[in-house]
Every structure is written in C-alpha cells, then in structure tokens.
C-alpha cells in the first residue's frame, strides 16, 4: 500500500511552526499584530454581516439580531484598531479561554486515535495537556503572551503535521 500524506496539513503545520518561532523572536510586535489582525477581521465580519442583513432582512424574522451583532463587530474592530494595547490585553484572556477547550478536545481525540490503533496517539494527548496548561498560564501571566503563544503554535504545528501523516497511514 502506497503511503499517502495530507500535504495541506503538513504545510499548515510548517506555517504554524514558523509563526510560533516569530512570536518568540518578536514578542513586542506579536500582540500588536494579533490585535490589528483581529480588528480588521471584526471590521470585515461587521461589513459582511451588514451586507447580509440588507439582503435577507425580509426573509428571517430574527435578522434584527444580525444587524446588532454586525454593528457590534464593526465597533469592536474599530476599537481594536484605535486602542490596540488595551484590546490586546483583553485578547490574552480570550485566547486563554479558547485554548482550554481546545486542549480538552485534543485529549478526547487522542483516545479516539488510540482506539483506531494509531501509535502516535500519545503526542496528541500531550499536546492537549500542554494546550490546557498554556491556557491556564495565559490567565496567570498575561504579560508572557507572545512567548506562550509562540510555544502553543509550535506544539500545535507538530500536532497538525503529525495528523497529516496519520491520515495518510489510515488511508483516508
């Protein structure tokens, strides 16, 4: 049987690895860039939401909530761009509370991998545990965000690249 590799996952993992290293090498710029990126993303989401509302307001009875949400996205994005340092501090907490459930998910996946007979399931388990620890560290020490984010990206990069090879071994 020819060994297949999911190259999309491998390339994504390599890009995450590079980004993780850059976060560690340039901690001051990391938080500012992440905040600006998030601000732009919120603005785009707000604009798209308003455009969607304009097209669908007569079709959906609860579409007024969509316009409210879209306007809040837009305002939040503008605030992120206007006050990146304040917004960046808040984002550290958001990342913390996103990493913890991600780690739990990875732990669950690791045991599923074990059930499928995947020999590398232990790495996914370790990754999940480390991801939960990193989320907790973000809460304890927000100032170390760039270093912790860089380390988290490196750990996740290895997990994603490993998944690219595991999927090939499973033949799916």
C-alpha atoms as a PDB file:
ATOM      1  CA  UNK A   1       0.000   0.000   0.000  1.00  0.00           C
ATOM      2  CA  UNK A   2       1.338   3.383  -1.000  1.00  0.00           C
ATOM      3  CA  UNK A   3       1.764   5.766   1.914  1.00  0.00           C
ATOM      4  CA  UNK A   4      -0.271   8.930   1.457  1.00  0.00           C
ATOM      5  CA  UNK A   5       0.364  12.237   3.166  1.00  0.00           C
ATOM      6  CA  UNK A   6      -2.145  15.031   3.666  1.00  0.00           C
ATOM      7  CA  UNK A   7       0.132  17.818   2.430  1.00  0.00           C
ATOM      8  CA  UNK A   8      -2.354  20.559   3.303  1.00  0.00           C
ATOM      9  CA  UNK A   9      -1.994  19.659   6.993  1.00  0.00           C
ATOM     10  CA  UNK A  10       1.781  19.325   6.731  1.00  0.00           C
ATOM     11  CA  UNK A  11       2.109  22.753   5.068  1.00  0.00           C
ATOM     12  CA  UNK A  12      -0.301  24.302   7.603  1.00  0.00           C
ATOM     13  CA  UNK A  13       1.834  22.811  10.373  1.00  0.00           C
ATOM     14  CA  UNK A  14       5.025  24.228   8.866  1.00  0.00           C
ATOM     15  CA  UNK A  15       3.427  27.686   8.618  1.00  0.00           C
ATOM     16  CA  UNK A  16       2.253  27.443  12.239  1.00  0.00           C
ATOM     17  CA  UNK A  17       5.782  26.428  13.263  1.00  0.00           C
ATOM     18  CA  UNK A  18       7.283  29.469  11.524  1.00  0.00           C
ATOM     19  CA  UNK A  19       4.666  31.760  13.075  1.00  0.00           C
ATOM     20  CA  UNK A  20       5.367  30.297  16.512  1.00  0.00           C
ATOM     21  CA  UNK A  21       9.086  30.953  16.171  1.00  0.00           C
ATOM     22  CA  UNK A  22       8.399  34.537  15.020  1.00  0.00           C
ATOM     23  CA  UNK A  23       6.152  35.125  18.057  1.00  0.00           C
ATOM     24  CA  UNK A  24       9.001  34.094  20.348  1.00  0.00           C
ATOM     25  CA  UNK A  25      11.614  36.141  18.475  1.00  0.00           C
ATOM     26  CA  UNK A  26       9.471  39.308  18.280  1.00  0.00           C
ATOM     27  CA  UNK A  27       7.258  39.415  21.392  1.00  0.00           C
ATOM     28  CA  UNK A  28       6.586  43.160  21.325  1.00  0.00           C
ATOM     29  CA  UNK A  29       5.254  43.088  17.792  1.00  0.00           C
ATOM     30  CA  UNK A  30       3.264  39.868  18.332  1.00  0.00           C
ATOM     31  CA  UNK A  31       0.488  41.262  20.494  1.00  0.00           C
ATOM     32  CA  UNK A  32       0.141  44.411  18.404  1.00  0.00           C
ATOM     33  CA  UNK A  33      -0.056  42.460  15.136  1.00  0.00           C
ATOM     34  CA  UNK A  34      -2.522  39.936  16.544  1.00  0.00           C
ATOM     35  CA  UNK A  35      -4.698  42.789  17.805  1.00  0.00           C
ATOM     36  CA  UNK A  36      -4.597  44.631  14.483  1.00  0.00           C
ATOM     37  CA  UNK A  37      -5.384  41.429  12.585  1.00  0.00           C
ATOM     38  CA  UNK A  38      -8.329  40.767  14.905  1.00  0.00           C
ATOM     39  CA  UNK A  39      -9.524  44.354  14.483  1.00  0.00           C
ATOM     40  CA  UNK A  40      -9.509  44.041  10.708  1.00  0.00           C
ATOM     41  CA  UNK A  41     -11.263  40.658  10.959  1.00  0.00           C
ATOM     42  CA  UNK A  42     -14.002  42.159  13.154  1.00  0.00           C
ATOM     43  CA  UNK A  43     -14.477  45.053  10.707  1.00  0.00           C
ATOM     44  CA  UNK A  44     -14.738  42.667   7.745  1.00  0.00           C
ATOM     45  CA  UNK A  45     -17.191  40.475   9.684  1.00  0.00           C
ATOM     46  CA  UNK A  46     -19.245  43.541  10.564  1.00  0.00           C
ATOM     47  CA  UNK A  47     -19.382  44.776   6.984  1.00  0.00           C
ATOM     48  CA  UNK A  48     -20.269  41.311   5.664  1.00  0.00           C
ATOM     49  CA  UNK A  49     -22.954  40.944   8.335  1.00  0.00           C
ATOM     50  CA  UNK A  50     -24.500  44.298   7.452  1.00  0.00           C
ATOM     51  CA  UNK A  51     -24.457  43.386   3.754  1.00  0.00           C
ATOM     52  CA  UNK A  52     -26.089  40.029   4.536  1.00  0.00           C
ATOM     53  CA  UNK A  53     -28.701  41.763   6.673  1.00  0.00           C
ATOM     54  CA  UNK A  54     -29.522  44.141   3.815  1.00  0.00           C
ATOM     55  CA  UNK A  55     -30.147  41.165   1.523  1.00  0.00           C
ATOM     56  CA  UNK A  56     -32.031  38.919   3.957  1.00  0.00           C
ATOM     57  CA  UNK A  57     -33.869  41.203   6.407  1.00  0.00           C
ATOM     58  CA  UNK A  58     -37.266  40.293   4.934  1.00  0.00           C
ATOM     59  CA  UNK A  59     -36.550  36.556   4.894  1.00  0.00           C
ATOM     60  CA  UNK A  60     -35.640  35.979   8.524  1.00  0.00           C
ATOM     61  CA  UNK A  61     -37.749  37.235  11.433  1.00  0.00           C
ATOM     62  CA  UNK A  62     -34.780  37.453  13.826  1.00  0.00           C
ATOM     63  CA  UNK A  63     -32.492  39.274  11.409  1.00  0.00           C
ATOM     64  CA  UNK A  64     -32.529  42.354  13.654  1.00  0.00           C
ATOM     65  CA  UNK A  65     -30.172  40.431  15.930  1.00  0.00           C
ATOM     66  CA  UNK A  66     -27.836  40.006  12.977  1.00  0.00           C
ATOM     67  CA  UNK A  67     -27.640  43.751  12.389  1.00  0.00           C
ATOM     68  CA  UNK A  68     -26.976  44.360  16.086  1.00  0.00           C
ATOM     69  CA  UNK A  69     -24.238  41.710  16.081  1.00  0.00           C
ATOM     70  CA  UNK A  70     -22.742  43.099  12.871  1.00  0.00           C
ATOM     71  CA  UNK A  71     -22.672  46.652  14.214  1.00  0.00           C
ATOM     72  CA  UNK A  72     -21.002  45.388  17.403  1.00  0.00           C
ATOM     73  CA  UNK A  73     -18.410  43.571  15.278  1.00  0.00           C
ATOM     74  CA  UNK A  74     -17.740  46.772  13.382  1.00  0.00           C
ATOM     75  CA  UNK A  75     -17.429  48.866  16.558  1.00  0.00           C
ATOM     76  CA  UNK A  76     -15.216  46.253  18.205  1.00  0.00           C
ATOM     77  CA  UNK A  77     -12.941  46.184  15.167  1.00  0.00           C
ATOM     78  CA  UNK A  78     -12.618  49.963  15.189  1.00  0.00           C
ATOM     79  CA  UNK A  79     -11.822  49.903  18.917  1.00  0.00           C
ATOM     80  CA  UNK A  80      -9.171  47.241  18.345  1.00  0.00           C
ATOM     81  CA  UNK A  81      -7.519  49.425  15.721  1.00  0.00           C
ATOM     82  CA  UNK A  82      -7.872  52.643  17.738  1.00  0.00           C
ATOM     83  CA  UNK A  83      -6.627  51.144  21.030  1.00  0.00           C
ATOM     84  CA  UNK A  84      -4.534  48.082  20.164  1.00  0.00           C
ATOM     85  CA  UNK A  85      -2.786  47.863  23.540  1.00  0.00           C
ATOM     86  CA  UNK A  86      -5.995  47.867  25.585  1.00  0.00           C
ATOM     87  CA  UNK A  87      -7.672  45.490  23.155  1.00  0.00           C
ATOM     88  CA  UNK A  88      -4.573  43.302  23.150  1.00  0.00           C
ATOM     89  CA  UNK A  89      -4.726  42.915  26.911  1.00  0.00           C
ATOM     90  CA  UNK A  90      -8.339  41.737  26.627  1.00  0.00           C
ATOM     91  CA  UNK A  91      -7.436  39.348  23.822  1.00  0.00           C
ATOM     92  CA  UNK A  92      -4.990  37.497  26.049  1.00  0.00           C
ATOM     93  CA  UNK A  93      -7.930  36.432  28.210  1.00  0.00           C
ATOM     94  CA  UNK A  94      -9.952  35.439  25.157  1.00  0.00           C
ATOM     95  CA  UNK A  95      -7.096  33.244  23.909  1.00  0.00           C
ATOM     96  CA  UNK A  96      -6.842  31.644  27.338  1.00  0.00           C
ATOM     97  CA  UNK A  97     -10.477  30.651  27.320  1.00  0.00           C
ATOM     98  CA  UNK A  98     -10.194  29.318  23.760  1.00  0.00           C
ATOM     99  CA  UNK A  99      -7.112  27.207  24.447  1.00  0.00           C
ATOM    100  CA  UNK A 100      -8.584  25.335  27.395  1.00  0.00           C
ATOM    101  CA  UNK A 101     -11.489  23.772  25.428  1.00  0.00           C
ATOM    102  CA  UNK A 102      -9.120  23.109  22.504  1.00  0.00           C
ATOM    103  CA  UNK A 103      -6.881  21.125  24.842  1.00  0.00           C
ATOM    104  CA  UNK A 104      -9.843  19.130  26.117  1.00  0.00           C
ATOM    105  CA  UNK A 105     -10.840  18.384  22.513  1.00  0.00           C
ATOM    106  CA  UNK A 106      -7.312  17.171  21.720  1.00  0.00           C
ATOM    107  CA  UNK A 107      -7.342  14.850  24.742  1.00  0.00           C
ATOM    108  CA  UNK A 108     -10.636  13.334  23.572  1.00  0.00           C
ATOM    109  CA  UNK A 109      -9.241  12.947  20.032  1.00  0.00           C
ATOM    110  CA  UNK A 110      -6.101  11.264  21.371  1.00  0.00           C
ATOM    111  CA  UNK A 111      -8.163   8.498  22.952  1.00  0.00           C
ATOM    112  CA  UNK A 112     -10.105   8.070  19.718  1.00  0.00           C
ATOM    113  CA  UNK A 113      -6.793   7.778  17.882  1.00  0.00           C
ATOM    114  CA  UNK A 114      -5.725   5.128  20.401  1.00  0.00           C
ATOM    115  CA  UNK A 115      -8.973   3.258  19.704  1.00  0.00           C
ATOM    116  CA  UNK A 116      -8.145   3.304  15.978  1.00  0.00           C
ATOM    117  CA  UNK A 117      -4.725   1.832  16.712  1.00  0.00           C
ATOM    118  CA  UNK A 118      -2.756   4.987  15.870  1.00  0.00           C
ATOM    119  CA  UNK A 119       0.634   4.579  17.530  1.00  0.00           C
ATOM    120  CA  UNK A 120       1.266   8.332  17.821  1.00  0.00           C
ATOM    121  CA  UNK A 121      -1.889   8.983  19.883  1.00  0.00           C
ATOM    122  CA  UNK A 122       0.306   9.911  22.847  1.00  0.00           C
ATOM    123  CA  UNK A 123       1.559  13.060  21.149  1.00  0.00           C
ATOM    124  CA  UNK A 124      -1.998  14.303  20.686  1.00  0.00           C
ATOM    125  CA  UNK A 125      -2.640  13.589  24.376  1.00  0.00           C
ATOM    126  CA  UNK A 126       0.491  15.508  25.412  1.00  0.00           C
ATOM    127  CA  UNK A 127      -0.472  18.343  23.066  1.00  0.00           C
ATOM    128  CA  UNK A 128      -3.917  18.559  24.665  1.00  0.00           C
ATOM    129  CA  UNK A 129      -2.468  18.638  28.172  1.00  0.00           C
ATOM    130  CA  UNK A 130       0.095  21.296  27.189  1.00  0.00           C
ATOM    131  CA  UNK A 131      -2.610  23.355  25.476  1.00  0.00           C
ATOM    132  CA  UNK A 132      -4.696  23.371  28.665  1.00  0.00           C
ATOM    133  CA  UNK A 133      -1.625  24.344  30.701  1.00  0.00           C
ATOM    134  CA  UNK A 134      -0.871  27.172  28.254  1.00  0.00           C
ATOM    135  CA  UNK A 135      -4.444  28.452  28.555  1.00  0.00           C
ATOM    136  CA  UNK A 136      -4.075  28.487  32.334  1.00  0.00           C
ATOM    137  CA  UNK A 137      -0.692  30.257  32.045  1.00  0.00           C
ATOM    138  CA  UNK A 138      -2.299  32.960  29.870  1.00  0.00           C
ATOM    139  CA  UNK A 139      -4.687  33.610  32.749  1.00  0.00           C
ATOM    140  CA  UNK A 140      -1.906  33.597  35.360  1.00  0.00           C
ATOM    141  CA  UNK A 141       0.679  35.632  33.390  1.00  0.00           C
ATOM    142  CA  UNK A 142      -0.837  37.719  30.582  1.00  0.00           C
ATOM    143  CA  UNK A 143       2.486  39.526  30.066  1.00  0.00           C
ATOM    144  CA  UNK A 144       4.090  36.348  28.737  1.00  0.00           C
ATOM    145  CA  UNK A 145       1.501  36.109  25.962  1.00  0.00           C
ATOM    146  CA  UNK A 146       3.845  36.278  22.955  1.00  0.00           C
ATOM    147  CA  UNK A 147       6.168  33.590  24.306  1.00  0.00           C
ATOM    148  CA  UNK A 148       3.318  31.342  25.336  1.00  0.00           C
ATOM    149  CA  UNK A 149       1.512  31.900  22.027  1.00  0.00           C
ATOM    150  CA  UNK A 150       4.712  31.043  20.165  1.00  0.00           C
ATOM    151  CA  UNK A 151       5.143  27.871  22.183  1.00  0.00           C
ATOM    152  CA  UNK A 152       1.456  26.963  21.704  1.00  0.00           C
ATOM    153  CA  UNK A 153       1.793  27.423  17.942  1.00  0.00           C
ATOM    154  CA  UNK A 154       4.889  25.225  17.867  1.00  0.00           C
ATOM    155  CA  UNK A 155       3.131  22.462  19.835  1.00  0.00           C
ATOM    156  CA  UNK A 156       0.037  22.705  17.620  1.00  0.00           C
ATOM    157  CA  UNK A 157       2.219  22.776  14.487  1.00  0.00           C
ATOM    158  CA  UNK A 158       3.745  19.444  15.427  1.00  0.00           C
ATOM    159  CA  UNK A 159       0.273  18.027  16.112  1.00  0.00           C
ATOM    160  CA  UNK A 160      -1.087  19.254  12.761  1.00  0.00           C
ATOM    161  CA  UNK A 161       1.910  17.911  10.828  1.00  0.00           C
ATOM    162  CA  UNK A 162       1.591  14.593  12.654  1.00  0.00           C
ATOM    163  CA  UNK A 163      -2.097  14.467  11.675  1.00  0.00           C
ATOM    164  CA  UNK A 164      -1.070  14.954   8.050  1.00  0.00           C
ATOM    165  CA  UNK A 165       0.992  11.790   8.245  1.00  0.00           C
ATOM    166  CA  UNK A 166      -1.505   9.821  10.358  1.00  0.00           C
ATOM    167  CA  UNK A 167      -4.339  10.437   7.898  1.00  0.00           C
ATOM    168  CA  UNK A 168      -2.103   9.012   5.162  1.00  0.00           C
ATOM    169  CA  UNK A 169      -1.437   5.882   7.223  1.00  0.00           C
ATOM    170  CA  UNK A 170      -5.148   5.369   7.804  1.00  0.00           C
ATOM    171  CA  UNK A 171      -5.713   5.621   4.043  1.00  0.00           C
ATOM    172  CA  UNK A 172      -8.442   8.225   4.351  1.00  0.00           C
END
